[in-house]
C-alpha atoms as a PDB file:
ATOM      1  CA  MET A   1       4.612   4.851 -21.472  1.00  0.00           C
ATOM      2  CA  TRP A   2       1.723   4.112 -19.084  1.00  0.00           C
ATOM      3  CA  SER A   3       3.843   1.456 -17.384  1.00  0.00           C
ATOM      4  CA  LEU A   4       6.460   4.063 -16.567  1.00  0.00           C
ATOM      5  CA  VAL A   5       3.808   6.478 -15.334  1.00  0.00           C
ATOM      6  CA  ALA A   6       2.370   3.750 -13.084  1.00  0.00           C
ATOM      7  CA  ALA A   7       5.794   2.836 -11.680  1.00  0.00           C
ATOM      8  CA  VAL A   8       6.759   6.426 -10.929  1.00  0.00           C
ATOM      9  CA  ALA A   9       3.343   7.184  -9.446  1.00  0.00           C
ATOM     10  CA  MET A  10       3.573   4.200  -7.103  1.00  0.00           C
ATOM     11  CA  SER A  11       7.086   5.125  -5.998  1.00  0.00           C
ATOM     12  CA  CYS A  12       5.900   8.683  -5.289  1.00  0.00           C
ATOM     13  CA  LYS A  13       2.743   7.449  -3.525  1.00  0.00           C
ATOM     14  CA  GLU A  14       0.569   9.266  -6.075  1.00  0.00           C
ATOM     15  CA  LEU A  15      -2.376   6.898  -5.948  1.00  0.00           C
ATOM     16  CA  ASN A  16      -4.689   8.920  -8.206  1.00  0.00           C
ATOM     17  CA  THR A  17      -2.067   8.973 -10.965  1.00  0.00           C
ATOM     18  CA  ALA A  18      -1.282   5.285 -10.468  1.00  0.00           C
ATOM     19  CA  GLU A  19      -4.978   4.499 -10.667  1.00  0.00           C
ATOM     20  CA  ALA A  20      -5.289   6.347 -13.999  1.00  0.00           C
ATOM     21  CA  ALA A  21      -2.198   4.613 -15.384  1.00  0.00           C
ATOM     22  CA  PHE A  22      -3.390   1.147 -14.369  1.00  0.00           C
ATOM     23  CA  ALA A  23      -6.766   1.891 -15.930  1.00  0.00           C
ATOM     24  CA  ALA A  24      -5.084   2.912 -19.196  1.00  0.00           C
ATOM     25  CA  LEU A  25      -3.063  -0.322 -19.097  1.00  0.00           C
ATOM     26  CA  ASP A  26      -6.211  -2.369 -18.393  1.00  0.00           C
ATOM     27  CA  GLU A  27      -4.515  -3.761 -15.263  1.00  0.00           C
ATOM     28  CA  THR A  28      -7.725  -4.493 -13.406  1.00  0.00           C
ATOM     29  CA  ALA A  29      -6.125  -6.325 -10.463  1.00  0.00           C
ATOM     30  CA  LYS A  30      -3.703  -3.468  -9.787  1.00  0.00           C
ATOM     31  CA  LEU A  31      -6.446  -0.917 -10.312  1.00  0.00           C
ATOM     32  CA  HIS A  32      -8.621  -2.719  -7.759  1.00  0.00           C
ATOM     33  CA  TRP A  33      -5.699  -2.881  -5.307  1.00  0.00           C
ATOM     34  CA  VAL A  34      -5.021   0.862  -5.631  1.00  0.00           C
ATOM     35  CA  SER A  35      -8.706   1.555  -5.037  1.00  0.00           C
ATOM     36  CA  LYS A  36      -8.579  -0.543  -1.863  1.00  0.00           C
ATOM     37  CA  VAL A  37      -5.468   1.300  -0.653  1.00  0.00           C
ATOM     38  CA  LYS A  38      -7.129   4.659  -1.312  1.00  0.00           C
ATOM     39  CA  ALA A  39     -10.057   3.530   0.830  1.00  0.00           C
ATOM     40  CA  ILE A  40      -7.840   2.919   3.883  1.00  0.00           C
ATOM     41  CA  PRO A  41      -9.004   5.564   6.365  1.00  0.00           C
ATOM     42  CA  THR A  42      -5.621   6.743   7.657  1.00  0.00           C
ATOM     43  CA  GLU A  43      -2.459   8.073   6.038  1.00  0.00           C
ATOM     44  CA  GLU A  44      -0.411   5.697   8.201  1.00  0.00           C
ATOM     45  CA  GLY A  45      -2.443   2.722   7.021  1.00  0.00           C
ATOM     46  CA  ARG A  46      -1.975   3.698   3.385  1.00  0.00           C
ATOM     47  CA  ALA A  47       1.748   4.248   3.927  1.00  0.00           C
ATOM     48  CA  ALA A  48       2.116   0.826   5.573  1.00  0.00           C
ATOM     49  CA  GLU A  49       0.244  -0.863   2.725  1.00  0.00           C
ATOM     50  CA  LEU A  50       2.463   0.870   0.157  1.00  0.00           C
ATOM     51  CA  ALA A  51       5.561  -0.214   2.089  1.00  0.00           C
ATOM     52  CA  LEU A  52       4.345  -3.810   1.826  1.00  0.00           C
ATOM     53  CA  TYR A  53       3.834  -3.290  -1.908  1.00  0.00           C
ATOM     54  CA  ARG A  54       7.489  -2.214  -2.148  1.00  0.00           C
ATOM     55  CA  ARG A  55       8.474  -5.333  -0.150  1.00  0.00           C
ATOM     56  CA  ARG A  56       9.595  -3.334   2.871  1.00  0.00           C
ATOM     57  CA  PRO A  57       7.939  -5.112   5.791  1.00  0.00           C
ATOM     58  CA  ASP A  58      10.232  -3.514   8.376  1.00  0.00           C
ATOM     59  CA  GLU A  59       9.177  -0.073   7.182  1.00  0.00           C
ATOM     60  CA  ALA A  60       5.491  -1.089   7.259  1.00  0.00           C
ATOM     61  CA  GLU A  61       5.884  -2.431  10.779  1.00  0.00           C
ATOM     62  CA  ALA A  62       7.646   0.731  11.959  1.00  0.00           C
ATOM     63  CA  ILE A  63       4.844   2.873  10.545  1.00  0.00           C
ATOM     64  CA  LEU A  64       2.201   0.819  12.324  1.00  0.00           C
ATOM     65  CA  VAL A  65       4.065   0.708  15.635  1.00  0.00           C
ATOM     66  CA  GLN A  66       4.165   4.522  15.688  1.00  0.00           C
ATOM     67  CA  VAL A  67       0.415   4.830  15.164  1.00  0.00           C
ATOM     68  CA  ARG A  68      -1.431   6.112  18.197  1.00  0.00           C
ATOM     69  CA  GLY A  69      -5.196   6.015  18.562  1.00  0.00           C
ATOM     70  CA  HIS A  70      -5.486   3.536  15.713  1.00  0.00           C
ATOM     71  CA  THR A  71      -8.342   1.070  15.803  1.00  0.00           C
ATOM     72  CA  GLY A  72      -7.110  -2.238  17.123  1.00  0.00           C
ATOM     73  CA  ALA A  73      -8.890  -4.377  14.528  1.00  0.00           C
ATOM     74  CA  TYR A  74      -7.390  -2.525  11.580  1.00  0.00           C
ATOM     75  CA  LEU A  75      -3.916  -2.542  13.082  1.00  0.00           C
ATOM     76  CA  ALA A  76      -4.180  -6.275  13.806  1.00  0.00           C
ATOM     77  CA  MET A  77      -5.278  -6.948  10.217  1.00  0.00           C
ATOM     78  CA  LEU A  78      -2.287  -5.105   8.793  1.00  0.00           C
ATOM     79  CA  MET A  79       0.097  -6.821  11.191  1.00  0.00           C
ATOM     80  CA  ARG A  80      -1.243 -10.230  10.078  1.00  0.00           C
ATOM     81  CA  ARG A  81      -0.561  -9.206   6.496  1.00  0.00           C
ATOM     82  CA  LEU A  82       3.032  -8.454   7.500  1.00  0.00           C
ATOM     83  CA  MET A  83       3.705 -11.973   8.723  1.00  0.00           C
ATOM     84  CA  PRO A  84       4.241 -13.655   5.302  1.00  0.00           C
ATOM     85  CA  PHE A  85       6.640 -10.867   4.299  1.00  0.00           C
ATOM     86  CA  ARG A  86       8.605 -11.211   7.535  1.00  0.00           C
ATOM     87  CA  SER A  87       9.340 -14.867   6.811  1.00  0.00           C
ATOM     88  CA  GLN A  88      10.751 -13.979   3.366  1.00  0.00           C
ATOM     89  CA  THR A  89      13.333 -11.495   4.635  1.00  0.00           C
END
């Protein structure tokens, strides 16, 4: 049941619920990843990271391109993370 809760929570971008489900499943790597995503300072950054999780690099890129006033270092880091996904599509 917790697996289903985790899957639905991730698809709905409900990170607190996903975090609880991964903790109940003892999925420490996924729990750590969700914690890192929650720590991203902007909604756009979190949305882009979740798009990458869903293997949607074009969506992640579109989110980041629309960001205005975003710190250059953070944007560059996310764009570098996009590169491996771009070569798989």
